[in-house]
Amino acid sequence: MLAALTEYLGCRARFGGLRAMPDAAATARLVRETPTWFARHRHWDPDGAAIPDDLATDTAVDALIHALVPLAHLGGRP
């Protein structure tokens, strides 16, 4: 799964569908691990546990989209 995600991200970046990234494999790992932390691991961190579920979901999705999708593809919305 990680290899397929790496290839997908790299290909999309090469054709302008995603922002350029330093390393597609590291980015794939970030994409895979971010939801895991926000969905599960944050509950073991006292500061993370204070984040409500809906805010954790919205934050993870927003951060990944803005990190990967070029601003022009977001309809000019920052």
N, C-alpha and C. Protein backbone atom coordinates (compact mmCIF):
# COMPACT_ATOMS: atom_id res chain seq x y z
N MET A 1 0.83 -1.19 0.00
CA MET A 1 0.00 0.00 0.00
C MET A 1 0.87 1.25 0.00
N LEU A 2 1.93 1.21 0.80
CA LEU A 2 2.81 2.38 0.87
C LEU A 2 3.53 2.61 -0.46
N ALA A 3 3.93 1.53 -1.12
CA ALA A 3 4.59 1.67 -2.43
C ALA A 3 3.62 2.27 -3.46
N ALA A 4 2.38 1.82 -3.45
CA ALA A 4 1.39 2.35 -4.39
C ALA A 4 1.11 3.82 -4.12
N LEU A 5 1.00 4.19 -2.85
CA LEU A 5 0.77 5.59 -2.50
C LEU A 5 1.97 6.45 -2.89
N THR A 6 3.17 5.93 -2.70
CA THR A 6 4.39 6.65 -3.11
C THR A 6 4.37 6.92 -4.60
N GLU A 7 4.05 5.90 -5.38
CA GLU A 7 4.01 6.05 -6.84
C GLU A 7 2.93 7.05 -7.25
N TYR A 8 1.77 6.96 -6.63
CA TYR A 8 0.66 7.86 -6.94
C TYR A 8 1.05 9.31 -6.65
N LEU A 9 1.60 9.56 -5.47
CA LEU A 9 1.98 10.93 -5.11
C LEU A 9 3.06 11.47 -6.05
N GLY A 10 4.06 10.64 -6.33
CA GLY A 10 5.14 11.07 -7.22
C GLY A 10 4.64 11.40 -8.61
N CYS A 11 3.76 10.54 -9.11
CA CYS A 11 3.20 10.75 -10.46
C CYS A 11 2.35 12.02 -10.50
N ARG A 12 1.48 12.19 -9.51
CA ARG A 12 0.63 13.39 -9.46
C ARG A 12 1.47 14.65 -9.36
N ALA A 13 2.55 14.60 -8.59
CA ALA A 13 3.42 15.78 -8.44
C ALA A 13 4.12 16.09 -9.76
N ARG A 14 4.59 15.06 -10.45
CA ARG A 14 5.29 15.28 -11.73
C ARG A 14 4.39 15.96 -12.76
N PHE A 15 3.10 15.67 -12.71
CA PHE A 15 2.17 16.23 -13.70
C PHE A 15 1.42 17.45 -13.18
N GLY A 16 1.80 17.96 -12.00
CA GLY A 16 1.23 19.20 -11.49
C GLY A 16 -0.06 19.08 -10.70
N GLY A 17 -0.53 17.86 -10.49
CA GLY A 17 -1.75 17.67 -9.73
C GLY A 17 -1.54 17.84 -8.23
N LEU A 18 -0.29 17.70 -7.81
CA LEU A 18 0.08 17.92 -6.41
C LEU A 18 1.30 18.82 -6.38
N ARG A 19 1.53 19.44 -5.25
CA ARG A 19 2.73 20.26 -5.10
C ARG A 19 3.98 19.39 -5.19
N ALA A 20 5.08 20.00 -5.59
CA ALA A 20 6.35 19.29 -5.58
C ALA A 20 6.68 18.94 -4.12
N MET A 21 7.31 17.79 -3.94
CA MET A 21 7.65 17.36 -2.59
C MET A 21 9.09 16.88 -2.57
N PRO A 22 9.77 17.01 -1.43
CA PRO A 22 11.17 16.58 -1.39
C PRO A 22 11.34 15.09 -1.67
N ASP A 23 10.39 14.25 -1.22
CA ASP A 23 10.52 12.82 -1.40
C ASP A 23 9.12 12.20 -1.33
N ALA A 24 8.72 11.52 -2.37
CA ALA A 24 7.38 10.95 -2.42
C ALA A 24 7.19 9.85 -1.37
N ALA A 25 8.21 9.06 -1.10
CA ALA A 25 8.09 7.99 -0.11
C ALA A 25 7.89 8.57 1.30
N ALA A 26 8.63 9.60 1.63
CA ALA A 26 8.47 10.22 2.95
C ALA A 26 7.10 10.89 3.05
N THR A 27 6.64 11.48 1.96
CA THR A 27 5.32 12.10 1.96
C THR A 27 4.23 11.05 2.10
N ALA A 28 4.40 9.92 1.43
CA ALA A 28 3.42 8.83 1.56
C ALA A 28 3.33 8.37 3.01
N ARG A 29 4.46 8.28 3.67
CA ARG A 29 4.46 7.88 5.08
C ARG A 29 3.73 8.92 5.93
N LEU A 30 3.96 10.19 5.64
CA LEU A 30 3.28 11.27 6.36
C LEU A 30 1.77 11.17 6.17
N VAL A 31 1.35 10.94 4.92
CA VAL A 31 -0.08 10.83 4.61
C VAL A 31 -0.69 9.65 5.35
N ARG A 32 0.04 8.56 5.45
CA ARG A 32 -0.46 7.38 6.15
C ARG A 32 -0.47 7.56 7.66
N GLU A 33 0.54 8.20 8.20
CA GLU A 33 0.68 8.31 9.65
C GLU A 33 -0.16 9.44 10.27
N THR A 34 -0.42 10.50 9.54
CA THR A 34 -1.18 11.62 10.09
C THR A 34 -2.57 11.19 10.57
N PRO A 35 -3.35 10.52 9.74
CA PRO A 35 -4.67 10.08 10.25
C PRO A 35 -4.54 9.10 11.42
N THR A 36 -3.52 8.27 11.41
CA THR A 36 -3.33 7.32 12.51
C THR A 36 -3.09 8.06 13.82
N TRP A 37 -2.25 9.07 13.79
CA TRP A 37 -1.99 9.82 15.02
C TRP A 37 -3.26 10.52 15.50
N PHE A 38 -3.93 11.20 14.58
CA PHE A 38 -5.13 11.94 14.98
C PHE A 38 -6.28 11.02 15.38
N ALA A 39 -6.35 9.83 14.81
CA ALA A 39 -7.45 8.91 15.14
C ALA A 39 -7.18 8.09 16.40
N ARG A 40 -5.91 7.74 16.64
CA ARG A 40 -5.62 6.82 17.74
C ARG A 40 -4.59 7.33 18.72
N HIS A 41 -3.42 7.66 18.23
CA HIS A 41 -2.28 7.94 19.12
C HIS A 41 -2.45 9.22 19.94
N ARG A 42 -3.22 10.15 19.44
CA ARG A 42 -3.39 11.39 20.19
C ARG A 42 -4.05 11.17 21.54
N HIS A 43 -4.79 10.08 21.67
CA HIS A 43 -5.47 9.78 22.93
C HIS A 43 -4.50 9.43 24.05
N TRP A 44 -3.27 9.03 23.69
CA TRP A 44 -2.25 8.68 24.69
C TRP A 44 -1.39 9.88 25.06
N ASP A 45 -1.57 10.98 24.38
CA ASP A 45 -0.81 12.21 24.62
C ASP A 45 -1.75 13.17 25.34
N PRO A 46 -1.40 13.62 26.56
CA PRO A 46 -2.32 14.49 27.30
C PRO A 46 -2.78 15.72 26.51
N ASP A 47 -1.87 16.35 25.79
CA ASP A 47 -2.27 17.51 24.99
C ASP A 47 -3.12 17.09 23.80
N GLY A 48 -2.75 16.00 23.16
CA GLY A 48 -3.50 15.51 22.00
C GLY A 48 -4.89 15.03 22.38
N ALA A 49 -5.02 14.43 23.55
CA ALA A 49 -6.32 13.91 24.00
C ALA A 49 -7.33 15.02 24.20
N ALA A 50 -6.87 16.24 24.38
CA ALA A 50 -7.78 17.37 24.58
C ALA A 50 -8.42 17.84 23.26
N ILE A 51 -7.94 17.33 22.14
CA ILE A 51 -8.49 17.72 20.84
C ILE A 51 -9.75 16.89 20.57
N PRO A 52 -10.90 17.52 20.40
CA PRO A 52 -12.13 16.76 20.11
C PRO A 52 -12.03 16.02 18.77
N ASP A 53 -12.75 14.92 18.65
CA ASP A 53 -12.68 14.09 17.44
C ASP A 53 -12.97 14.87 16.16
N ASP A 54 -14.01 15.68 16.15
CA ASP A 54 -14.36 16.39 14.92
C ASP A 54 -13.29 17.41 14.54
N LEU A 55 -12.69 18.05 15.53
CA LEU A 55 -11.61 19.00 15.26
C LEU A 55 -10.36 18.27 14.77
N ALA A 56 -10.07 17.11 15.32
CA ALA A 56 -8.93 16.32 14.87
C ALA A 56 -9.10 15.91 13.41
N THR A 57 -10.28 15.47 13.06
CA THR A 57 -10.55 15.07 11.67
C THR A 57 -10.41 16.26 10.73
N ASP A 58 -11.07 17.36 11.06
CA ASP A 58 -11.01 18.56 10.21
C ASP A 58 -9.58 19.07 10.06
N THR A 59 -8.81 19.05 11.13
CA THR A 59 -7.44 19.54 11.11
C THR A 59 -6.55 18.65 10.25
N ALA A 60 -6.66 17.34 10.41
CA ALA A 60 -5.83 16.42 9.63
C ALA A 60 -6.13 16.55 8.14
N VAL A 61 -7.40 16.57 7.78
CA VAL A 61 -7.78 16.70 6.36
C VAL A 61 -7.31 18.03 5.80
N ASP A 62 -7.56 19.11 6.51
CA ASP A 62 -7.16 20.45 6.06
C ASP A 62 -5.64 20.55 5.88
N ALA A 63 -4.90 20.05 6.85
CA ALA A 63 -3.43 20.13 6.78
C ALA A 63 -2.88 19.34 5.60
N LEU A 64 -3.36 18.13 5.40
CA LEU A 64 -2.86 17.32 4.30
C LEU A 64 -3.25 17.90 2.94
N ILE A 65 -4.47 18.37 2.82
CA ILE A 65 -4.89 18.96 1.55
C ILE A 65 -4.04 20.19 1.23
N HIS A 66 -3.88 21.07 2.20
CA HIS A 66 -3.11 22.29 1.95
C HIS A 66 -1.61 22.02 1.77
N ALA A 67 -1.13 20.94 2.32
CA ALA A 67 0.28 20.59 2.14
C ALA A 67 0.53 20.01 0.75
N LEU A 68 -0.44 19.35 0.18
CA LEU A 68 -0.23 18.61 -1.06
C LEU A 68 -0.86 19.20 -2.30
N VAL A 69 -1.99 19.84 -2.19
CA VAL A 69 -2.72 20.32 -3.36
C VAL A 69 -2.31 21.77 -3.66
N PRO A 70 -1.93 22.03 -4.91
CA PRO A 70 -1.57 23.39 -5.28
C PRO A 70 -2.74 24.35 -5.04
N LEU A 71 -2.43 25.55 -4.63
CA LEU A 71 -3.45 26.55 -4.32
C LEU A 71 -4.40 26.77 -5.50
N ALA A 72 -3.87 26.73 -6.70
CA ALA A 72 -4.72 26.94 -7.89
C ALA A 72 -5.82 25.89 -7.99
N HIS A 73 -5.56 24.69 -7.49
CA HIS A 73 -6.56 23.62 -7.55
C HIS A 73 -7.58 23.72 -6.42
N LEU A 74 -7.35 24.61 -5.49
CA LEU A 74 -8.28 24.80 -4.38
C LEU A 74 -9.24 25.94 -4.65
N GLY A 75 -9.30 26.38 -5.89
CA GLY A 75 -10.20 27.48 -6.24
C GLY A 75 -9.77 28.81 -5.65
N GLY A 76 -8.46 28.95 -5.38
CA GLY A 76 -7.93 30.19 -4.83
C GLY A 76 -8.18 30.35 -3.35
N ARG A 77 -8.79 29.35 -2.71
CA ARG A 77 -9.03 29.44 -1.25
C ARG A 77 -7.81 28.98 -0.50
N PRO A 78 -7.27 29.84 0.37
CA PRO A 78 -6.10 29.42 1.16
C PRO A 78 -6.47 28.42 2.23
